[in-house]
Amino acid sequence: MKKLTTLFAIAALTATAGIAQARDLGPDEALKLRDAGTIQSFEKLNAAALAKHPGSVVEETDLEQENGRYIYELDLRDAQGVQWDLELDATNGQVLKDHQDN
């Protein structure tokens, strides 16, 4: 029975080892990263996202650290009321993901 329990534990650990771990960053940590020059200013990141969807409004933002990368996530609503989910690399403003929210 002990061997069976050990095998299940190893299988569970192996299955979860490859799952990406993301950590939400709070406002204080985000400001420190910005001030240190590690990530771009939020104004620049918002402008990069809004350039993809002119006339949109930023509804929500979030900064995460995922696999050593800083990811800036935005929810936009365009002039037609369509919601968009974007992810940008917070260090350089590159758009990583841009899709319509369902």
PDB file of N, CA and C in Angstrom:
ATOM      1  N   MET A   1       0.816  -1.191   0.000  1.00  0.00           N
ATOM      2  CA  MET A   1       0.000   0.000   0.000  1.00  0.00           C
ATOM      3  C   MET A   1       0.866   1.263   0.000  1.00  0.00           C
ATOM      4  N   LYS A   2       1.989   1.193   0.741  1.00  0.00           N
ATOM      5  CA  LYS A   2       2.880   2.349   0.814  1.00  0.00           C
ATOM      6  C   LYS A   2       3.459   2.674  -0.562  1.00  0.00           C
ATOM      7  N   LYS A   3       3.805   1.635  -1.348  1.00  0.00           N
ATOM      8  CA  LYS A   3       4.338   1.856  -2.682  1.00  0.00           C
ATOM      9  C   LYS A   3       3.293   2.516  -3.576  1.00  0.00           C
ATOM     10  N   LEU A   4       2.042   2.094  -3.467  1.00  0.00           N
ATOM     11  CA  LEU A   4       0.969   2.652  -4.277  1.00  0.00           C
ATOM     12  C   LEU A   4       0.758   4.132  -3.943  1.00  0.00           C
ATOM     13  N   THR A   5       0.775   4.469  -2.669  1.00  0.00           N
ATOM     14  CA  THR A   5       0.631   5.860  -2.237  1.00  0.00           C
ATOM     15  C   THR A   5       1.794   6.703  -2.757  1.00  0.00           C
ATOM     16  N   THR A   6       2.987   6.167  -2.679  1.00  0.00           N
ATOM     17  CA  THR A   6       4.164   6.875  -3.180  1.00  0.00           C
ATOM     18  C   THR A   6       4.056   7.108  -4.680  1.00  0.00           C
ATOM     19  N   LEU A   7       3.622   6.098  -5.424  1.00  0.00           N
ATOM     20  CA  LEU A   7       3.463   6.249  -6.866  1.00  0.00           C
ATOM     21  C   LEU A   7       2.431   7.318  -7.213  1.00  0.00           C
ATOM     22  N   PHE A   8       1.325   7.359  -6.495  1.00  0.00           N
ATOM     23  CA  PHE A   8       0.304   8.385  -6.730  1.00  0.00           C
ATOM     24  C   PHE A   8       0.855   9.776  -6.421  1.00  0.00           C
ATOM     25  N   ALA A   9       1.618   9.898  -5.356  1.00  0.00           N
ATOM     26  CA  ALA A   9       2.195  11.192  -4.988  1.00  0.00           C
ATOM     27  C   ALA A   9       3.179  11.668  -6.052  1.00  0.00           C
ATOM     28  N   ILE A  10       4.011  10.771  -6.536  1.00  0.00           N
ATOM     29  CA  ILE A  10       4.974  11.128  -7.582  1.00  0.00           C
ATOM     30  C   ILE A  10       4.242  11.524  -8.856  1.00  0.00           C
ATOM     31  N   ALA A  11       3.202  10.785  -9.224  1.00  0.00           N
ATOM     32  CA  ALA A  11       2.431  11.106 -10.426  1.00  0.00           C
ATOM     33  C   ALA A  11       1.783  12.476 -10.303  1.00  0.00           C
ATOM     34  N   ALA A  12       1.255  12.795  -9.143  1.00  0.00           N
ATOM     35  CA  ALA A  12       0.604  14.096  -8.939  1.00  0.00           C
ATOM     36  C   ALA A  12       1.615  15.226  -9.025  1.00  0.00           C
ATOM     37  N   LEU A  13       2.783  15.056  -8.427  1.00  0.00           N
ATOM     38  CA  LEU A  13       3.823  16.086  -8.484  1.00  0.00           C
ATOM     39  C   LEU A  13       4.335  16.275  -9.904  1.00  0.00           C
ATOM     40  N   THR A  14       4.504  15.198 -10.623  1.00  0.00           N
ATOM     41  CA  THR A  14       4.974  15.279 -12.006  1.00  0.00           C
ATOM     42  C   THR A  14       3.954  15.979 -12.884  1.00  0.00           C
ATOM     43  N   ALA A  15       2.690  15.701 -12.684  1.00  0.00           N
ATOM     44  CA  ALA A  15       1.634  16.300 -13.500  1.00  0.00           C
ATOM     45  C   ALA A  15       1.540  17.801 -13.287  1.00  0.00           C
ATOM     46  N   THR A  16       1.791  18.266 -12.076  1.00  0.00           N
ATOM     47  CA  THR A  16       1.662  19.694 -11.789  1.00  0.00           C
ATOM     48  C   THR A  16       2.960  20.460 -11.986  1.00  0.00           C
ATOM     49  N   ALA A  17       4.063  19.781 -12.194  1.00  0.00           N
ATOM     50  CA  ALA A  17       5.351  20.463 -12.318  1.00  0.00           C
ATOM     51  C   ALA A  17       5.421  21.354 -13.545  1.00  0.00           C
ATOM     52  N   GLY A  18       4.755  20.971 -14.636  1.00  0.00           N
ATOM     53  CA  GLY A  18       4.828  21.745 -15.865  1.00  0.00           C
ATOM     54  C   GLY A  18       3.825  22.875 -15.963  1.00  0.00           C
ATOM     55  N   ILE A  19       2.945  22.995 -15.008  1.00  0.00           N
ATOM     56  CA  ILE A  19       1.926  24.048 -15.050  1.00  0.00           C
ATOM     57  C   ILE A  19       2.578  25.401 -14.747  1.00  0.00           C
ATOM     58  N   ALA A  20       2.276  26.386 -15.592  1.00  0.00           N
ATOM     59  CA  ALA A  20       2.843  27.727 -15.416  1.00  0.00           C
ATOM     60  C   ALA A  20       2.328  28.346 -14.124  1.00  0.00           C
ATOM     61  N   GLN A  21       3.220  28.913 -13.385  1.00  0.00           N
ATOM     62  CA  GLN A  21       2.870  29.573 -12.143  1.00  0.00           C
ATOM     63  C   GLN A  21       2.920  31.083 -12.356  1.00  0.00           C
ATOM     64  N   ALA A  22       1.811  31.738 -12.130  1.00  0.00           N
ATOM     65  CA  ALA A  22       1.746  33.186 -12.259  1.00  0.00           C
ATOM     66  C   ALA A  22       1.508  33.784 -10.880  1.00  0.00           C
ATOM     67  N   ARG A  23       2.125  34.938 -10.659  1.00  0.00           N
ATOM     68  CA  ARG A  23       1.976  35.617  -9.373  1.00  0.00           C
ATOM     69  C   ARG A  23       1.535  37.037  -9.649  1.00  0.00           C
ATOM     70  N   ASP A  24       0.389  37.411  -9.073  1.00  0.00           N
ATOM     71  CA  ASP A  24      -0.083  38.785  -9.190  1.00  0.00           C
ATOM     72  C   ASP A  24       0.826  39.699  -8.369  1.00  0.00           C
ATOM     73  N   LEU A  25       1.161  40.839  -8.957  1.00  0.00           N
ATOM     74  CA  LEU A  25       1.999  41.806  -8.258  1.00  0.00           C
ATOM     75  C   LEU A  25       1.127  42.952  -7.760  1.00  0.00           C
ATOM     76  N   GLY A  26       1.360  43.347  -6.535  1.00  0.00           N
ATOM     77  CA  GLY A  26       0.600  44.449  -5.953  1.00  0.00           C
ATOM     78  C   GLY A  26       1.093  45.794  -6.457  1.00  0.00           C
ATOM     79  N   PRO A  27       0.334  46.850  -6.167  1.00  0.00           N
ATOM     80  CA  PRO A  27       0.683  48.189  -6.648  1.00  0.00           C
ATOM     81  C   PRO A  27       2.068  48.666  -6.199  1.00  0.00           C
ATOM     82  N   ASP A  28       2.438  48.383  -4.963  1.00  0.00           N
ATOM     83  CA  ASP A  28       3.741  48.836  -4.460  1.00  0.00           C
ATOM     84  C   ASP A  28       4.885  48.182  -5.220  1.00  0.00           C
ATOM     85  N   GLU A  29       4.772  46.875  -5.441  1.00  0.00           N
ATOM     86  CA  GLU A  29       5.822  46.161  -6.159  1.00  0.00           C
ATOM     87  C   GLU A  29       5.879  46.606  -7.628  1.00  0.00           C
ATOM     88  N   ALA A  30       4.703  46.827  -8.217  1.00  0.00           N
ATOM     89  CA  ALA A  30       4.646  47.277  -9.610  1.00  0.00           C
ATOM     90  C   ALA A  30       5.313  48.643  -9.764  1.00  0.00           C
ATOM     91  N   LEU A  31       5.061  49.553  -8.839  1.00  0.00           N
ATOM     92  CA  LEU A  31       5.677  50.881  -8.897  1.00  0.00           C
ATOM     93  C   LEU A  31       7.184  50.810  -8.716  1.00  0.00           C
ATOM     94  N   LYS A  32       7.657  49.923  -7.856  1.00  0.00           N
ATOM     95  CA  LYS A  32       9.098  49.757  -7.668  1.00  0.00           C
ATOM     96  C   LYS A  32       9.750  49.252  -8.955  1.00  0.00           C
ATOM     97  N   LEU A  33       9.102  48.302  -9.620  1.00  0.00           N
ATOM     98  CA  LEU A  33       9.634  47.779 -10.881  1.00  0.00           C
ATOM     99  C   LEU A  33       9.667  48.864 -11.951  1.00  0.00           C
ATOM    100  N   ARG A  34       8.621  49.679 -11.994  1.00  0.00           N
ATOM    101  CA  ARG A  34       8.566  50.781 -12.954  1.00  0.00           C
ATOM    102  C   ARG A  34       9.662  51.801 -12.660  1.00  0.00           C
ATOM    103  N   ASP A  35       9.784  52.187 -11.404  1.00  0.00           N
ATOM    104  CA  ASP A  35      10.776  53.190 -11.007  1.00  0.00           C
ATOM    105  C   ASP A  35      12.209  52.697 -11.237  1.00  0.00           C
ATOM    106  N   ALA A  36      12.418  51.390 -11.132  1.00  0.00           N
ATOM    107  CA  ALA A  36      13.742  50.806 -11.356  1.00  0.00           C
ATOM    108  C   ALA A  36      14.045  50.640 -12.842  1.00  0.00           C
ATOM    109  N   GLY A  37      13.030  50.858 -13.691  1.00  0.00           N
ATOM    110  CA  GLY A  37      13.225  50.698 -15.127  1.00  0.00           C
ATOM    111  C   GLY A  37      13.096  49.258 -15.605  1.00  0.00           C
ATOM    112  N   THR A  38      12.645  48.376 -14.724  1.00  0.00           N
ATOM    113  CA  THR A  38      12.484  46.967 -15.084  1.00  0.00           C
ATOM    114  C   THR A  38      11.311  46.783 -16.035  1.00  0.00           C
ATOM    115  N   ILE A  39      10.231  47.524 -15.786  1.00  0.00           N
ATOM    116  CA  ILE A  39       9.076  47.485 -16.677  1.00  0.00           C
ATOM    117  C   ILE A  39       8.807  48.893 -17.195  1.00  0.00           C
ATOM    118  N   GLN A  40       8.090  48.970 -18.297  1.00  0.00           N
ATOM    119  CA  GLN A  40       7.732  50.274 -18.862  1.00  0.00           C
ATOM    120  C   GLN A  40       6.659  50.935 -18.002  1.00  0.00           C
ATOM    121  N   SER A  41       6.495  52.226 -18.222  1.00  0.00           N
ATOM    122  CA  SER A  41       5.464  52.952 -17.478  1.00  0.00           C
ATOM    123  C   SER A  41       4.089  52.426 -17.890  1.00  0.00           C
ATOM    124  N   PHE A  42       3.155  52.536 -17.000  1.00  0.00           N
ATOM    125  CA  PHE A  42       1.800  52.061 -17.272  1.00  0.00           C
ATOM    126  C   PHE A  42       1.147  52.895 -18.376  1.00  0.00           C
ATOM    127  N   GLU A  43       1.532  54.159 -18.474  1.00  0.00           N
ATOM    128  CA  GLU A  43       1.017  55.013 -19.537  1.00  0.00           C
ATOM    129  C   GLU A  43       1.452  54.483 -20.909  1.00  0.00           C
ATOM    130  N   LYS A  44       2.734  54.093 -21.026  1.00  0.00           N
ATOM    131  CA  LYS A  44       3.238  53.546 -22.291  1.00  0.00           C
ATOM    132  C   LYS A  44       2.571  52.208 -22.618  1.00  0.00           C
ATOM    133  N   LEU A  45       2.410  51.371 -21.610  1.00  0.00           N
ATOM    134  CA  LEU A  45       1.778  50.066 -21.834  1.00  0.00           C
ATOM    135  C   LEU A  45       0.317  50.231 -22.242  1.00  0.00           C
ATOM    136  N   ASN A  46      -0.394  51.131 -21.574  1.00  0.00           N
ATOM    137  CA  ASN A  46      -1.788  51.395 -21.948  1.00  0.00           C
ATOM    138  C   ASN A  46      -1.869  51.944 -23.367  1.00  0.00           C
ATOM    139  N   ALA A  47      -0.955  52.853 -23.718  1.00  0.00           N
ATOM    140  CA  ALA A  47      -0.954  53.436 -25.061  1.00  0.00           C
ATOM    141  C   ALA A  47      -0.709  52.363 -26.126  1.00  0.00           C
ATOM    142  N   ALA A  48       0.176  51.416 -25.841  1.00  0.00           N
ATOM    143  CA  ALA A  48       0.443  50.331 -26.789  1.00  0.00           C
ATOM    144  C   ALA A  48      -0.799  49.472 -26.992  1.00  0.00           C
ATOM    145  N   ALA A  49      -1.516  49.220 -25.925  1.00  0.00           N
ATOM    146  CA  ALA A  49      -2.742  48.423 -26.026  1.00  0.00           C
ATOM    147  C   ALA A  49      -3.831  49.198 -26.766  1.00  0.00           C
ATOM    148  N   LEU A  50      -3.982  50.471 -26.444  1.00  0.00           N
ATOM    149  CA  LEU A  50      -5.017  51.284 -27.087  1.00  0.00           C
ATOM    150  C   LEU A  50      -4.720  51.516 -28.568  1.00  0.00           C
ATOM    151  N   ALA A  51      -3.452  51.464 -28.955  1.00  0.00           N
ATOM    152  CA  ALA A  51      -3.100  51.599 -30.370  1.00  0.00           C
ATOM    153  C   ALA A  51      -3.638  50.425 -31.184  1.00  0.00           C
ATOM    154  N   LYS A  52      -3.780  49.273 -30.543  1.00  0.00           N
ATOM    155  CA  LYS A  52      -4.338  48.103 -31.226  1.00  0.00           C
ATOM    156  C   LYS A  52      -5.843  48.246 -31.440  1.00  0.00           C
ATOM    157  N   HIS A  53      -6.500  49.011 -30.558  1.00  0.00           N
ATOM    158  CA  HIS A  53      -7.950  49.189 -30.615  1.00  0.00           C
ATOM    159  C   HIS A  53      -8.287  50.655 -30.339  1.00  0.00           C
ATOM    160  N   PRO A  54      -8.066  51.525 -31.331  1.00  0.00           N
ATOM    161  CA  PRO A  54      -8.328  52.960 -31.147  1.00  0.00           C
ATOM    162  C   PRO A  54      -9.769  53.218 -30.710  1.00  0.00           C
ATOM    163  N   GLY A  55      -9.922  54.166 -29.814  1.00  0.00           N
ATOM    164  CA  GLY A  55     -11.249  54.522 -29.314  1.00  0.00           C
ATOM    165  C   GLY A  55     -11.726  53.644 -28.171  1.00  0.00           C
ATOM    166  N   SER A  56     -10.896  52.689 -27.763  1.00  0.00           N
ATOM    167  CA  SER A  56     -11.267  51.800 -26.662  1.00  0.00           C
ATOM    168  C   SER A  56     -11.008  52.465 -25.318  1.00  0.00           C
ATOM    169  N   VAL A  57     -11.579  51.864 -24.297  1.00  0.00           N
ATOM    170  CA  VAL A  57     -11.403  52.322 -22.925  1.00  0.00           C
ATOM    171  C   VAL A  57     -10.813  51.168 -22.121  1.00  0.00           C
ATOM    172  N   VAL A  58      -9.809  51.465 -21.295  1.00  0.00           N
ATOM    173  CA  VAL A  58      -9.226  50.457 -20.412  1.00  0.00           C
ATOM    174  C   VAL A  58     -10.183  50.238 -19.252  1.00  0.00           C
ATOM    175  N   GLU A  59     -10.626  48.997 -19.085  1.00  0.00           N
ATOM    176  CA  GLU A  59     -11.547  48.682 -17.995  1.00  0.00           C
ATOM    177  C   GLU A  59     -10.844  48.076 -16.789  1.00  0.00           C
ATOM    178  N   GLU A  60      -9.781  47.299 -17.048  1.00  0.00           N
ATOM    179  CA  GLU A  60      -9.089  46.633 -15.943  1.00  0.00           C
ATOM    180  C   GLU A  60      -7.673  46.314 -16.366  1.00  0.00           C
ATOM    181  N   THR A  61      -6.745  46.390 -15.415  1.00  0.00           N
ATOM    182  CA  THR A  61      -5.357  46.031 -15.682  1.00  0.00           C
ATOM    183  C   THR A  61      -4.838  45.154 -14.547  1.00  0.00           C
ATOM    184  N   ASP A  62      -3.802  44.393 -14.869  1.00  0.00           N
ATOM    185  CA  ASP A  62      -3.194  43.517 -13.879  1.00  0.00           C
ATOM    186  C   ASP A  62      -1.756  43.267 -14.301  1.00  0.00           C
ATOM    187  N   LEU A  63      -0.852  43.230 -13.347  1.00  0.00           N
ATOM    188  CA  LEU A  63       0.540  42.914 -13.624  1.00  0.00           C
ATOM    189  C   LEU A  63       0.864  41.607 -12.925  1.00  0.00           C
ATOM    190  N   GLU A  64       1.420  40.660 -13.701  1.00  0.00           N
ATOM    191  CA  GLU A  64       1.779  39.358 -13.160  1.00  0.00           C
ATOM    192  C   GLU A  64       3.218  39.036 -13.498  1.00  0.00           C
ATOM    193  N   GLN A  65       3.798  38.197 -12.671  1.00  0.00           N
ATOM    194  CA  GLN A  65       5.091  37.618 -12.994  1.00  0.00           C
ATOM    195  C   GLN A  65       4.833  36.153 -13.308  1.00  0.00           C
ATOM    196  N   GLU A  66       5.177  35.758 -14.525  1.00  0.00           N
ATOM    197  CA  GLU A  66       4.906  34.402 -14.988  1.00  0.00           C
ATOM    198  C   GLU A  66       6.170  33.835 -15.617  1.00  0.00           C
ATOM    199  N   ASN A  67       6.679  32.786 -15.011  1.00  0.00           N
ATOM    200  CA  ASN A  67       7.909  32.145 -15.500  1.00  0.00           C
ATOM    201  C   ASN A  67       9.042  33.151 -15.700  1.00  0.00           C
ATOM    202  N   GLY A  68       9.197  34.057 -14.735  1.00  0.00           N
ATOM    203  CA  GLY A  68      10.274  35.036 -14.785  1.00  0.00           C
ATOM    204  C   GLY A  68      10.009  36.234 -15.682  1.00  0.00           C
ATOM    205  N   ARG A  69       8.838  36.287 -16.294  1.00  0.00           N
ATOM    206  CA  ARG A  69       8.472  37.390 -17.196  1.00  0.00           C
ATOM    207  C   ARG A  69       7.400  38.245 -16.552  1.00  0.00           C
ATOM    208  N   TYR A  70       7.459  39.544 -16.814  1.00  0.00           N
ATOM    209  CA  TYR A  70       6.426  40.452 -16.317  1.00  0.00           C
ATOM    210  C   TYR A  70       5.396  40.644 -17.427  1.00  0.00           C
ATOM    211  N   ILE A  71       4.155  40.279 -17.131  1.00  0.00           N
ATOM    212  CA  ILE A  71       3.059  40.335 -18.096  1.00  0.00           C
ATOM    213  C   ILE A  71       2.022  41.347 -17.609  1.00  0.00           C
ATOM    214  N   TYR A  72       1.711  42.310 -18.474  1.00  0.00           N
ATOM    215  CA  TYR A  72       0.704  43.326 -18.184  1.00  0.00           C
ATOM    216  C   TYR A  72      -0.564  42.918 -18.923  1.00  0.00           C
ATOM    217  N   GLU A  73      -1.626  42.650 -18.180  1.00  0.00           N
ATOM    218  CA  GLU A  73      -2.887  42.208 -18.765  1.00  0.00           C
ATOM    219  C   GLU A  73      -3.896  43.350 -18.716  1.00  0.00           C
ATOM    220  N   LEU A  74      -4.630  43.524 -19.820  1.00  0.00           N
ATOM    221  CA  LEU A  74      -5.639  44.580 -19.897  1.00  0.00           C
ATOM    222  C   LEU A  74      -6.943  44.024 -20.437  1.00  0.00           C
ATOM    223  N   ASP A  75      -8.031  44.576 -19.947  1.00  0.00           N
ATOM    224  CA  ASP A  75      -9.354  44.373 -20.530  1.00  0.00           C
ATOM    225  C   ASP A  75      -9.759  45.712 -21.128  1.00  0.00           C
ATOM    226  N   LEU A  76     -10.053  45.709 -22.422  1.00  0.00           N
ATOM    227  CA  LEU A  76     -10.486  46.919 -23.127  1.00  0.00           C
ATOM    228  C   LEU A  76     -11.915  46.741 -23.608  1.00  0.00           C
ATOM    229  N   ARG A  77     -12.631  47.859 -23.737  1.00  0.00           N
ATOM    230  CA  ARG A  77     -13.948  47.859 -24.377  1.00  0.00           C
ATOM    231  C   ARG A  77     -13.891  48.891 -25.491  1.00  0.00           C
ATOM    232  N   ASP A  78     -14.177  48.432 -26.731  1.00  0.00           N
ATOM    233  CA  ASP A  78     -14.087  49.352 -27.863  1.00  0.00           C
ATOM    234  C   ASP A  78     -15.387  50.141 -28.036  1.00  0.00           C
ATOM    235  N   ALA A  79     -15.392  51.034 -29.019  1.00  0.00           N
ATOM    236  CA  ALA A  79     -16.536  51.932 -29.237  1.00  0.00           C
ATOM    237  C   ALA A  79     -17.820  51.169 -29.587  1.00  0.00           C
ATOM    238  N   GLN A  80     -17.677  49.965 -30.110  1.00  0.00           N
ATOM    239  CA  GLN A  80     -18.853  49.147 -30.439  1.00  0.00           C
ATOM    240  C   GLN A  80     -19.305  48.272 -29.265  1.00  0.00           C
ATOM    241  N   GLY A  81     -18.615  48.393 -28.133  1.00  0.00           N
ATOM    242  CA  GLY A  81     -18.982  47.622 -26.944  1.00  0.00           C
ATOM    243  C   GLY A  81     -18.335  46.251 -26.867  1.00  0.00           C
ATOM    244  N   VAL A  82     -17.424  45.961 -27.786  1.00  0.00           N
ATOM    245  CA  VAL A  82     -16.743  44.667 -27.790  1.00  0.00           C
ATOM    246  C   VAL A  82     -15.605  44.700 -26.773  1.00  0.00           C
ATOM    247  N   GLN A  83     -15.509  43.638 -25.987  1.00  0.00           N
ATOM    248  CA  GLN A  83     -14.450  43.566 -24.987  1.00  0.00           C
ATOM    249  C   GLN A  83     -13.272  42.778 -25.557  1.00  0.00           C
ATOM    250  N   TRP A  84     -12.054  43.257 -25.282  1.00  0.00           N
ATOM    251  CA  TRP A  84     -10.819  42.659 -25.757  1.00  0.00           C
ATOM    252  C   TRP A  84      -9.917  42.343 -24.579  1.00  0.00           C
ATOM    253  N   ASP A  85      -9.264  41.194 -24.646  1.00  0.00           N
ATOM    254  CA  ASP A  85      -8.252  40.804 -23.664  1.00  0.00           C
ATOM    255  C   ASP A  85      -6.898  40.911 -24.320  1.00  0.00           C
ATOM    256  N   LEU A  86      -6.001  41.669 -23.708  1.00  0.00           N
ATOM    257  CA  LEU A  86      -4.644  41.814 -24.224  1.00  0.00           C
ATOM    258  C   LEU A  86      -3.642  41.464 -23.140  1.00  0.00           C
ATOM    259  N   GLU A  87      -2.513  40.928 -23.578  1.00  0.00           N
ATOM    260  CA  GLU A  87      -1.368  40.709 -22.708  1.00  0.00           C
ATOM    261  C   GLU A  87      -0.165  41.327 -23.386  1.00  0.00           C
ATOM    262  N   LEU A  88       0.599  42.096 -22.626  1.00  0.00           N
ATOM    263  CA  LEU A  88       1.807  42.727 -23.140  1.00  0.00           C
ATOM    264  C   LEU A  88       2.987  42.315 -22.289  1.00  0.00           C
ATOM    265  N   ASP A  89       4.143  42.217 -22.921  1.00  0.00           N
ATOM    266  CA  ASP A  89       5.378  42.042 -22.180  1.00  0.00           C
ATOM    267  C   ASP A  89       5.651  43.396 -21.522  1.00  0.00           C
ATOM    268  N   ALA A  90       5.633  43.440 -20.209  1.00  0.00           N
ATOM    269  CA  ALA A  90       5.741  44.711 -19.492  1.00  0.00           C
ATOM    270  C   ALA A  90       7.126  45.334 -19.597  1.00  0.00           C
ATOM    271  N   THR A  91       8.115  44.571 -20.026  1.00  0.00           N
ATOM    272  CA  THR A  91       9.459  45.135 -20.138  1.00  0.00           C
ATOM    273  C   THR A  91       9.671  45.903 -21.430  1.00  0.00           C
ATOM    274  N   ASN A  92       8.922  45.528 -22.492  1.00  0.00           N
ATOM    275  CA  ASN A  92       9.148  46.193 -23.785  1.00  0.00           C
ATOM    276  C   ASN A  92       7.871  46.620 -24.515  1.00  0.00           C
ATOM    277  N   GLY A  93       6.698  46.293 -23.967  1.00  0.00           N
ATOM    278  CA  GLY A  93       5.430  46.703 -24.568  1.00  0.00           C
ATOM    279  C   GLY A  93       4.952  45.840 -25.714  1.00  0.00           C
ATOM    280  N   GLN A  94       5.660  44.761 -26.034  1.00  0.00           N
ATOM    281  CA  GLN A  94       5.255  43.882 -27.128  1.00  0.00           C
ATOM    282  C   GLN A  94       3.927  43.201 -26.784  1.00  0.00           C
ATOM    283  N   VAL A  95       3.002  43.238 -27.746  1.00  0.00           N
ATOM    284  CA  VAL A  95       1.699  42.587 -27.564  1.00  0.00           C
ATOM    285  C   VAL A  95       1.888  41.089 -27.729  1.00  0.00           C
ATOM    286  N   LEU A  96       1.558  40.338 -26.689  1.00  0.00           N
ATOM    287  CA  LEU A  96       1.705  38.892 -26.711  1.00  0.00           C
ATOM    288  C   LEU A  96       0.398  38.182 -27.040  1.00  0.00           C
ATOM    289  N   LYS A  97      -0.698  38.822 -26.662  1.00  0.00           N
ATOM    290  CA  LYS A  97      -2.010  38.229 -26.867  1.00  0.00           C
ATOM    291  C   LYS A  97      -3.012  39.351 -27.097  1.00  0.00           C
ATOM    292  N   ASP A  98      -3.894  39.151 -28.054  1.00  0.00           N
ATOM    293  CA  ASP A  98      -4.923  40.145 -28.373  1.00  0.00           C
ATOM    294  C   ASP A  98      -6.101  39.399 -28.946  1.00  0.00           C
ATOM    295  N   HIS A  99      -7.106  39.173 -28.113  1.00  0.00           N
ATOM    296  CA  HIS A  99      -8.272  38.463 -28.635  1.00  0.00           C
ATOM    297  C   HIS A  99      -9.551  39.012 -28.035  1.00  0.00           C
ATOM    298  N   GLN A 100     -10.614  38.818 -28.783  1.00  0.00           N
ATOM    299  CA  GLN A 100     -11.939  39.270 -28.373  1.00  0.00           C
ATOM    300  C   GLN A 100     -12.429  38.378 -27.245  1.00  0.00           C
ATOM    301  N   ASP A 101     -12.956  38.999 -26.215  1.00  0.00           N
ATOM    302  CA  ASP A 101     -13.485  38.254 -25.078  1.00  0.00           C
ATOM    303  C   ASP A 101     -14.890  37.788 -25.403  1.00  0.00           C
ATOM    304  N   ASN A 102     -15.185  36.572 -25.044  1.00  0.00           N
ATOM    305  CA  ASN A 102     -16.536  36.019 -25.301  1.00  0.00           C
ATOM    306  C   ASN A 102     -17.450  36.251 -24.138  1.00  0.00           C
TER     307      ASN A 102
END
